[in-house]
Amino acid sequence: MRSHVCTFIKEIGAGSSKHLLKAINRLTELNKLIRAGSLGVNDLDIAEALISDLEYAIKLFKQVGEMI
């Protein structure tokens, strides 16, 4: 566990992370899915909640990176 934390801290310090890239990719995919207009009301609500969570996580990642 400790090595994973150290790796994550190094990634934040470097300004990039596999997790950050995945989050950005998922955000892009969800936005495309919403724009396609093929989601039902429930799925749209879930997609919007996921987008909100991903945007918040990306913002936190960038803020932590600025502090290091």
N, C-alpha and C. Protein backbone atom coordinates (compact mmCIF):
# COMPACT_ATOMS: atom_id res chain seq x y z
N MET A 1 0.82 -1.19 0.00
CA MET A 1 0.00 0.00 0.00
C MET A 1 0.87 1.25 0.00
N ARG A 2 1.92 1.23 0.80
CA ARG A 2 2.78 2.40 0.91
C ARG A 2 3.42 2.76 -0.42
N SER A 3 3.83 1.75 -1.19
CA SER A 3 4.46 2.04 -2.48
C SER A 3 3.46 2.67 -3.45
N HIS A 4 2.18 2.27 -3.36
CA HIS A 4 1.16 2.87 -4.22
C HIS A 4 0.96 4.34 -3.88
N VAL A 5 0.99 4.65 -2.60
CA VAL A 5 0.84 6.05 -2.17
C VAL A 5 2.02 6.86 -2.66
N CYS A 6 3.22 6.33 -2.52
CA CYS A 6 4.42 7.03 -2.99
C CYS A 6 4.37 7.25 -4.49
N THR A 7 3.94 6.24 -5.23
CA THR A 7 3.83 6.37 -6.67
C THR A 7 2.82 7.44 -7.04
N PHE A 8 1.68 7.44 -6.35
CA PHE A 8 0.64 8.43 -6.62
C PHE A 8 1.15 9.83 -6.33
N ILE A 9 1.86 10.01 -5.23
CA ILE A 9 2.41 11.33 -4.89
C ILE A 9 3.41 11.77 -5.94
N LYS A 10 4.24 10.87 -6.42
CA LYS A 10 5.19 11.21 -7.49
C LYS A 10 4.46 11.63 -8.75
N GLU A 11 3.38 10.91 -9.08
CA GLU A 11 2.59 11.24 -10.27
C GLU A 11 1.97 12.63 -10.14
N ILE A 12 1.46 12.93 -8.96
CA ILE A 12 0.87 14.25 -8.74
C ILE A 12 1.95 15.32 -8.89
N GLY A 13 3.09 15.09 -8.29
CA GLY A 13 4.19 16.05 -8.39
C GLY A 13 4.63 16.28 -9.82
N ALA A 14 4.56 15.23 -10.62
CA ALA A 14 4.96 15.33 -12.03
C ALA A 14 3.85 15.95 -12.87
N GLY A 15 2.65 16.06 -12.30
CA GLY A 15 1.54 16.67 -13.02
C GLY A 15 0.79 15.73 -13.93
N SER A 16 1.05 14.43 -13.80
CA SER A 16 0.31 13.47 -14.62
C SER A 16 0.11 12.20 -13.82
N SER A 17 -0.87 11.45 -14.21
CA SER A 17 -1.18 10.20 -13.54
C SER A 17 -2.04 9.35 -14.46
N LYS A 18 -1.85 8.05 -14.37
CA LYS A 18 -2.71 7.15 -15.13
C LYS A 18 -4.16 7.35 -14.71
N HIS A 19 -4.36 7.56 -13.42
CA HIS A 19 -5.72 7.77 -12.92
C HIS A 19 -6.31 9.07 -13.47
N LEU A 20 -5.51 10.10 -13.52
CA LEU A 20 -5.98 11.38 -14.05
C LEU A 20 -6.35 11.24 -15.53
N LEU A 21 -5.51 10.58 -16.28
CA LEU A 21 -5.79 10.38 -17.71
C LEU A 21 -7.07 9.57 -17.92
N LYS A 22 -7.26 8.54 -17.10
CA LYS A 22 -8.48 7.74 -17.20
C LYS A 22 -9.71 8.58 -16.87
N ALA A 23 -9.59 9.41 -15.83
CA ALA A 23 -10.71 10.27 -15.44
C ALA A 23 -11.07 11.23 -16.57
N ILE A 24 -10.06 11.83 -17.19
CA ILE A 24 -10.30 12.77 -18.29
C ILE A 24 -10.94 12.05 -19.47
N ASN A 25 -10.45 10.85 -19.77
CA ASN A 25 -11.02 10.06 -20.87
C ASN A 25 -12.48 9.70 -20.60
N ARG A 26 -12.78 9.27 -19.38
CA ARG A 26 -14.16 8.92 -19.04
C ARG A 26 -15.06 10.15 -19.12
N LEU A 27 -14.55 11.28 -18.69
CA LEU A 27 -15.31 12.53 -18.75
C LEU A 27 -15.68 12.85 -20.20
N THR A 28 -14.72 12.72 -21.08
CA THR A 28 -14.95 12.96 -22.51
C THR A 28 -15.98 11.98 -23.06
N GLU A 29 -15.84 10.71 -22.71
CA GLU A 29 -16.77 9.70 -23.20
C GLU A 29 -18.19 9.95 -22.70
N LEU A 30 -18.33 10.31 -21.43
CA LEU A 30 -19.66 10.58 -20.88
C LEU A 30 -20.31 11.79 -21.54
N ASN A 31 -19.51 12.82 -21.78
CA ASN A 31 -20.06 14.01 -22.46
C ASN A 31 -20.53 13.67 -23.87
N LYS A 32 -19.77 12.85 -24.58
CA LYS A 32 -20.18 12.43 -25.93
C LYS A 32 -21.47 11.62 -25.88
N LEU A 33 -21.56 10.75 -24.89
CA LEU A 33 -22.75 9.92 -24.74
C LEU A 33 -23.98 10.77 -24.47
N ILE A 34 -23.83 11.79 -23.64
CA ILE A 34 -24.95 12.69 -23.35
C ILE A 34 -25.34 13.47 -24.60
N ARG A 35 -24.35 13.99 -25.31
CA ARG A 35 -24.64 14.76 -26.53
C ARG A 35 -25.32 13.92 -27.60
N ALA A 36 -25.05 12.62 -27.60
CA ALA A 36 -25.67 11.74 -28.60
C ALA A 36 -27.18 11.63 -28.39
N GLY A 37 -27.63 11.93 -27.17
CA GLY A 37 -29.06 11.93 -26.91
C GLY A 37 -29.70 10.56 -26.82
N SER A 38 -28.90 9.54 -26.61
CA SER A 38 -29.44 8.17 -26.60
C SER A 38 -29.74 7.63 -25.20
N LEU A 39 -29.51 8.45 -24.18
CA LEU A 39 -29.72 7.98 -22.81
C LEU A 39 -31.13 8.25 -22.33
N GLY A 40 -31.64 7.33 -21.54
CA GLY A 40 -32.92 7.55 -20.89
C GLY A 40 -32.74 8.50 -19.72
N VAL A 41 -33.84 8.86 -19.10
CA VAL A 41 -33.80 9.84 -18.00
C VAL A 41 -32.93 9.36 -16.85
N ASN A 42 -33.09 8.11 -16.43
CA ASN A 42 -32.30 7.59 -15.31
C ASN A 42 -30.81 7.52 -15.66
N ASP A 43 -30.50 7.02 -16.84
CA ASP A 43 -29.10 6.94 -17.26
C ASP A 43 -28.49 8.33 -17.40
N LEU A 44 -29.27 9.28 -17.86
CA LEU A 44 -28.80 10.65 -17.99
C LEU A 44 -28.45 11.22 -16.62
N ASP A 45 -29.30 10.96 -15.63
CA ASP A 45 -29.02 11.42 -14.27
C ASP A 45 -27.72 10.82 -13.74
N ILE A 46 -27.53 9.53 -14.00
CA ILE A 46 -26.32 8.85 -13.53
C ILE A 46 -25.09 9.43 -14.23
N ALA A 47 -25.18 9.62 -15.54
CA ALA A 47 -24.06 10.17 -16.31
C ALA A 47 -23.69 11.56 -15.82
N GLU A 48 -24.70 12.39 -15.53
CA GLU A 48 -24.44 13.74 -15.04
C GLU A 48 -23.80 13.72 -13.66
N ALA A 49 -24.22 12.78 -12.81
CA ALA A 49 -23.61 12.64 -11.49
C ALA A 49 -22.15 12.19 -11.61
N LEU A 50 -21.90 11.26 -12.51
CA LEU A 50 -20.53 10.80 -12.73
C LEU A 50 -19.65 11.92 -13.26
N ILE A 51 -20.18 12.73 -14.16
CA ILE A 51 -19.44 13.86 -14.69
C ILE A 51 -19.08 14.83 -13.57
N SER A 52 -20.02 15.11 -12.72
CA SER A 52 -19.79 16.00 -11.60
C SER A 52 -18.68 15.46 -10.70
N ASP A 53 -18.74 14.17 -10.38
CA ASP A 53 -17.73 13.54 -9.53
C ASP A 53 -16.35 13.55 -10.19
N LEU A 54 -16.30 13.25 -11.47
CA LEU A 54 -15.03 13.24 -12.19
C LEU A 54 -14.42 14.64 -12.26
N GLU A 55 -15.25 15.64 -12.55
CA GLU A 55 -14.75 17.01 -12.60
C GLU A 55 -14.19 17.44 -11.25
N TYR A 56 -14.87 17.05 -10.18
CA TYR A 56 -14.40 17.38 -8.83
C TYR A 56 -13.07 16.68 -8.54
N ALA A 57 -12.96 15.40 -8.89
CA ALA A 57 -11.72 14.64 -8.66
C ALA A 57 -10.56 15.23 -9.45
N ILE A 58 -10.80 15.63 -10.68
CA ILE A 58 -9.75 16.22 -11.51
C ILE A 58 -9.30 17.55 -10.91
N LYS A 59 -10.26 18.34 -10.45
CA LYS A 59 -9.95 19.62 -9.82
C LYS A 59 -9.08 19.41 -8.57
N LEU A 60 -9.45 18.42 -7.75
CA LEU A 60 -8.67 18.12 -6.55
C LEU A 60 -7.25 17.69 -6.90
N PHE A 61 -7.15 16.84 -7.91
CA PHE A 61 -5.83 16.35 -8.34
C PHE A 61 -4.94 17.54 -8.72
N LYS A 62 -5.49 18.46 -9.47
CA LYS A 62 -4.72 19.62 -9.91
C LYS A 62 -4.35 20.52 -8.73
N GLN A 63 -5.26 20.66 -7.77
CA GLN A 63 -4.97 21.50 -6.61
C GLN A 63 -3.86 20.88 -5.76
N VAL A 64 -3.92 19.57 -5.56
CA VAL A 64 -2.88 18.89 -4.80
C VAL A 64 -1.54 19.01 -5.51
N GLY A 65 -1.56 18.87 -6.83
CA GLY A 65 -0.34 19.01 -7.62
C GLY A 65 0.30 20.38 -7.46
N GLU A 66 -0.52 21.42 -7.33
CA GLU A 66 0.01 22.77 -7.15
C GLU A 66 0.63 22.94 -5.77
N MET A 67 0.17 22.18 -4.79
CA MET A 67 0.67 22.31 -3.43
C MET A 67 2.00 21.60 -3.24
N ILE A 68 2.27 20.61 -4.10
CA ILE A 68 3.51 19.82 -3.96
C ILE A 68 4.66 20.54 -4.61
